[in-house]
Amino acid sequence: YPDASGVIGKVTPKGVTIDSDETLIGYFLDEAKVAAVHGAAFGLSPAFRISYATSEEVLKKACTRIQEACAALK
């Protein structure tokens, strides 16, 4: 589970404050077009889980989009 504590409190380009891992996952879905599961669902907040059954190429692209989305947070 990647730790999301470093982005809690940051603000998206649209002005939404990332106040939980649940908010972060919504941001990933809306902006990066990547689905993930918030760690709170597993008692592991603030974190997230990526479940995948796809090619390595698709997974690399998804991870790049997550990185870009996180870099856009201020």
N, C-alpha and C. Protein backbone atom coordinates (compact mmCIF):
# COMPACT_ATOMS: atom_id res chain seq x y z
N TYR A 1 0.84 -1.18 0.00
CA TYR A 1 0.00 0.00 0.00
C TYR A 1 0.89 1.25 0.00
N PRO A 2 0.87 2.02 -1.07
CA PRO A 2 1.63 3.27 -1.07
C PRO A 2 1.09 4.24 -0.01
N ASP A 3 1.99 4.87 0.68
CA ASP A 3 1.65 5.85 1.72
C ASP A 3 1.22 7.16 1.07
N ALA A 4 0.04 7.65 1.44
CA ALA A 4 -0.49 8.88 0.86
C ALA A 4 -0.35 10.08 1.80
N SER A 5 0.32 9.92 2.92
CA SER A 5 0.39 11.00 3.90
C SER A 5 1.06 12.26 3.35
N GLY A 6 1.93 12.12 2.37
CA GLY A 6 2.62 13.27 1.81
C GLY A 6 1.76 14.19 0.97
N VAL A 7 0.58 13.72 0.57
CA VAL A 7 -0.30 14.57 -0.24
C VAL A 7 -1.55 15.02 0.51
N ILE A 8 -1.76 14.50 1.71
CA ILE A 8 -2.90 14.94 2.51
C ILE A 8 -2.69 16.41 2.86
N GLY A 9 -3.71 17.21 2.61
CA GLY A 9 -3.63 18.65 2.86
C GLY A 9 -3.28 19.46 1.63
N LYS A 10 -2.85 18.80 0.58
CA LYS A 10 -2.54 19.52 -0.66
C LYS A 10 -3.82 19.81 -1.43
N VAL A 11 -3.71 20.70 -2.42
CA VAL A 11 -4.88 21.18 -3.16
C VAL A 11 -4.72 20.82 -4.64
N THR A 12 -5.80 20.33 -5.24
CA THR A 12 -5.80 19.98 -6.65
C THR A 12 -5.83 21.24 -7.51
N PRO A 13 -5.52 21.12 -8.80
CA PRO A 13 -5.62 22.28 -9.69
C PRO A 13 -7.03 22.89 -9.73
N LYS A 14 -8.05 22.11 -9.40
CA LYS A 14 -9.43 22.61 -9.38
C LYS A 14 -9.82 23.18 -8.02
N GLY A 15 -8.87 23.23 -7.08
CA GLY A 15 -9.12 23.84 -5.79
C GLY A 15 -9.69 22.93 -4.72
N VAL A 16 -9.67 21.63 -4.94
CA VAL A 16 -10.18 20.67 -3.96
C VAL A 16 -9.03 20.26 -3.04
N THR A 17 -9.25 20.35 -1.74
CA THR A 17 -8.24 19.92 -0.78
C THR A 17 -8.29 18.40 -0.62
N ILE A 18 -7.14 17.77 -0.72
CA ILE A 18 -7.04 16.33 -0.50
C ILE A 18 -6.99 16.14 1.02
N ASP A 19 -8.14 15.81 1.60
CA ASP A 19 -8.23 15.70 3.06
C ASP A 19 -8.25 14.26 3.56
N SER A 20 -8.21 13.31 2.64
CA SER A 20 -8.21 11.89 3.03
C SER A 20 -7.75 11.05 1.84
N ASP A 21 -7.46 9.80 2.12
CA ASP A 21 -7.11 8.92 1.01
C ASP A 21 -8.31 8.67 0.11
N GLU A 22 -9.51 8.78 0.64
CA GLU A 22 -10.71 8.65 -0.18
C GLU A 22 -10.80 9.79 -1.20
N THR A 23 -10.52 11.01 -0.76
CA THR A 23 -10.52 12.15 -1.67
C THR A 23 -9.42 11.98 -2.73
N LEU A 24 -8.28 11.48 -2.32
CA LEU A 24 -7.17 11.26 -3.25
C LEU A 24 -7.56 10.27 -4.34
N ILE A 25 -8.23 9.20 -3.98
CA ILE A 25 -8.63 8.20 -4.96
C ILE A 25 -9.63 8.78 -5.96
N GLY A 26 -10.54 9.62 -5.48
CA GLY A 26 -11.46 10.31 -6.39
C GLY A 26 -10.71 11.20 -7.36
N TYR A 27 -9.68 11.88 -6.86
CA TYR A 27 -8.85 12.74 -7.70
C TYR A 27 -8.12 11.89 -8.75
N PHE A 28 -7.55 10.76 -8.35
CA PHE A 28 -6.88 9.88 -9.31
C PHE A 28 -7.84 9.46 -10.41
N LEU A 29 -9.05 9.10 -10.04
CA LEU A 29 -10.03 8.64 -11.02
C LEU A 29 -10.42 9.77 -11.97
N ASP A 30 -10.71 10.95 -11.41
CA ASP A 30 -11.14 12.08 -12.23
C ASP A 30 -10.04 12.65 -13.11
N GLU A 31 -8.86 12.81 -12.56
CA GLU A 31 -7.79 13.51 -13.28
C GLU A 31 -6.81 12.59 -13.99
N ALA A 32 -6.45 11.48 -13.36
CA ALA A 32 -5.46 10.58 -13.96
C ALA A 32 -6.11 9.43 -14.71
N LYS A 33 -7.42 9.28 -14.52
CA LYS A 33 -8.17 8.18 -15.15
C LYS A 33 -7.61 6.83 -14.70
N VAL A 34 -7.27 6.75 -13.41
CA VAL A 34 -6.76 5.52 -12.81
C VAL A 34 -7.62 5.19 -11.60
N ALA A 35 -8.12 3.96 -11.57
CA ALA A 35 -8.92 3.51 -10.44
C ALA A 35 -8.01 2.85 -9.41
N ALA A 36 -8.29 3.11 -8.15
CA ALA A 36 -7.55 2.51 -7.04
C ALA A 36 -8.52 2.40 -5.87
N VAL A 37 -8.07 1.79 -4.79
CA VAL A 37 -8.90 1.62 -3.60
C VAL A 37 -8.24 2.36 -2.45
N HIS A 38 -9.02 3.16 -1.73
CA HIS A 38 -8.46 3.90 -0.61
C HIS A 38 -8.10 2.95 0.53
N GLY A 39 -7.03 3.27 1.22
CA GLY A 39 -6.56 2.43 2.31
C GLY A 39 -7.53 2.33 3.46
N ALA A 40 -8.37 3.34 3.65
CA ALA A 40 -9.35 3.30 4.73
C ALA A 40 -10.24 2.07 4.62
N ALA A 41 -10.47 1.59 3.41
CA ALA A 41 -11.29 0.40 3.21
C ALA A 41 -10.65 -0.84 3.84
N PHE A 42 -9.35 -0.77 4.09
CA PHE A 42 -8.61 -1.89 4.67
C PHE A 42 -8.04 -1.53 6.04
N GLY A 43 -8.47 -0.39 6.59
CA GLY A 43 -7.94 0.05 7.88
C GLY A 43 -6.51 0.55 7.78
N LEU A 44 -6.10 1.00 6.61
CA LEU A 44 -4.72 1.43 6.37
C LEU A 44 -4.65 2.85 5.83
N SER A 45 -5.34 3.75 6.46
CA SER A 45 -5.37 5.14 6.02
C SER A 45 -4.21 5.91 6.64
N PRO A 46 -3.57 6.82 5.97
CA PRO A 46 -3.77 7.24 4.59
C PRO A 46 -2.86 6.46 3.64
N ALA A 47 -3.46 5.64 2.85
CA ALA A 47 -2.73 4.85 1.86
C ALA A 47 -3.71 4.51 0.74
N PHE A 48 -3.22 3.82 -0.27
CA PHE A 48 -4.12 3.35 -1.32
C PHE A 48 -3.59 2.05 -1.89
N ARG A 49 -4.45 1.36 -2.57
CA ARG A 49 -4.10 0.06 -3.15
C ARG A 49 -4.44 0.09 -4.63
N ILE A 50 -3.53 -0.43 -5.42
CA ILE A 50 -3.77 -0.57 -6.85
C ILE A 50 -3.91 -2.07 -7.13
N SER A 51 -5.05 -2.46 -7.63
CA SER A 51 -5.28 -3.84 -8.04
C SER A 51 -5.18 -3.87 -9.56
N TYR A 52 -4.48 -4.82 -10.08
CA TYR A 52 -4.30 -4.83 -11.52
C TYR A 52 -4.25 -6.25 -12.08
N ALA A 53 -4.74 -6.37 -13.28
CA ALA A 53 -4.66 -7.60 -14.07
C ALA A 53 -4.57 -7.13 -15.52
N THR A 54 -3.43 -6.56 -15.83
CA THR A 54 -3.24 -5.96 -17.15
C THR A 54 -1.77 -6.08 -17.54
N SER A 55 -1.44 -5.59 -18.69
CA SER A 55 -0.07 -5.67 -19.17
C SER A 55 0.84 -4.72 -18.40
N GLU A 56 2.11 -5.02 -18.42
CA GLU A 56 3.09 -4.16 -17.76
C GLU A 56 3.09 -2.77 -18.39
N GLU A 57 2.89 -2.69 -19.69
CA GLU A 57 2.86 -1.41 -20.39
C GLU A 57 1.72 -0.52 -19.88
N VAL A 58 0.53 -1.10 -19.74
CA VAL A 58 -0.62 -0.34 -19.24
C VAL A 58 -0.38 0.09 -17.80
N LEU A 59 0.19 -0.79 -17.00
CA LEU A 59 0.48 -0.47 -15.60
C LEU A 59 1.49 0.68 -15.50
N LYS A 60 2.51 0.67 -16.33
CA LYS A 60 3.50 1.75 -16.33
C LYS A 60 2.86 3.09 -16.68
N LYS A 61 1.96 3.08 -17.67
CA LYS A 61 1.26 4.31 -18.05
C LYS A 61 0.39 4.82 -16.91
N ALA A 62 -0.28 3.91 -16.23
CA ALA A 62 -1.13 4.30 -15.10
C ALA A 62 -0.29 4.91 -13.98
N CYS A 63 0.85 4.30 -13.70
CA CYS A 63 1.73 4.84 -12.65
C CYS A 63 2.26 6.22 -13.03
N THR A 64 2.57 6.41 -14.30
CA THR A 64 3.02 7.72 -14.76
C THR A 64 1.93 8.76 -14.57
N ARG A 65 0.68 8.40 -14.88
CA ARG A 65 -0.44 9.34 -14.70
C ARG A 65 -0.65 9.66 -13.22
N ILE A 66 -0.48 8.67 -12.34
CA ILE A 66 -0.58 8.94 -10.90
C ILE A 66 0.52 9.90 -10.47
N GLN A 67 1.74 9.68 -10.94
CA GLN A 67 2.85 10.59 -10.61
C GLN A 67 2.56 12.00 -11.09
N GLU A 68 2.05 12.14 -12.30
CA GLU A 68 1.74 13.47 -12.84
C GLU A 68 0.63 14.13 -12.03
N ALA A 69 -0.38 13.37 -11.65
CA ALA A 69 -1.47 13.93 -10.84
C ALA A 69 -0.95 14.40 -9.49
N CYS A 70 -0.08 13.62 -8.87
CA CYS A 70 0.49 14.02 -7.58
C CYS A 70 1.37 15.26 -7.73
N ALA A 71 2.11 15.34 -8.82
CA ALA A 71 2.97 16.50 -9.05
C ALA A 71 2.16 17.78 -9.24
N ALA A 72 0.92 17.65 -9.70
CA ALA A 72 0.07 18.82 -9.92
C ALA A 72 -0.55 19.36 -8.64
N LEU A 73 -0.44 18.61 -7.55
CA LEU A 73 -0.99 19.07 -6.27
C LEU A 73 -0.10 20.16 -5.68
N LYS A 74 -0.73 21.16 -5.08
CA LYS A 74 0.02 22.27 -4.47
C LYS A 74 -0.30 22.37 -3.00
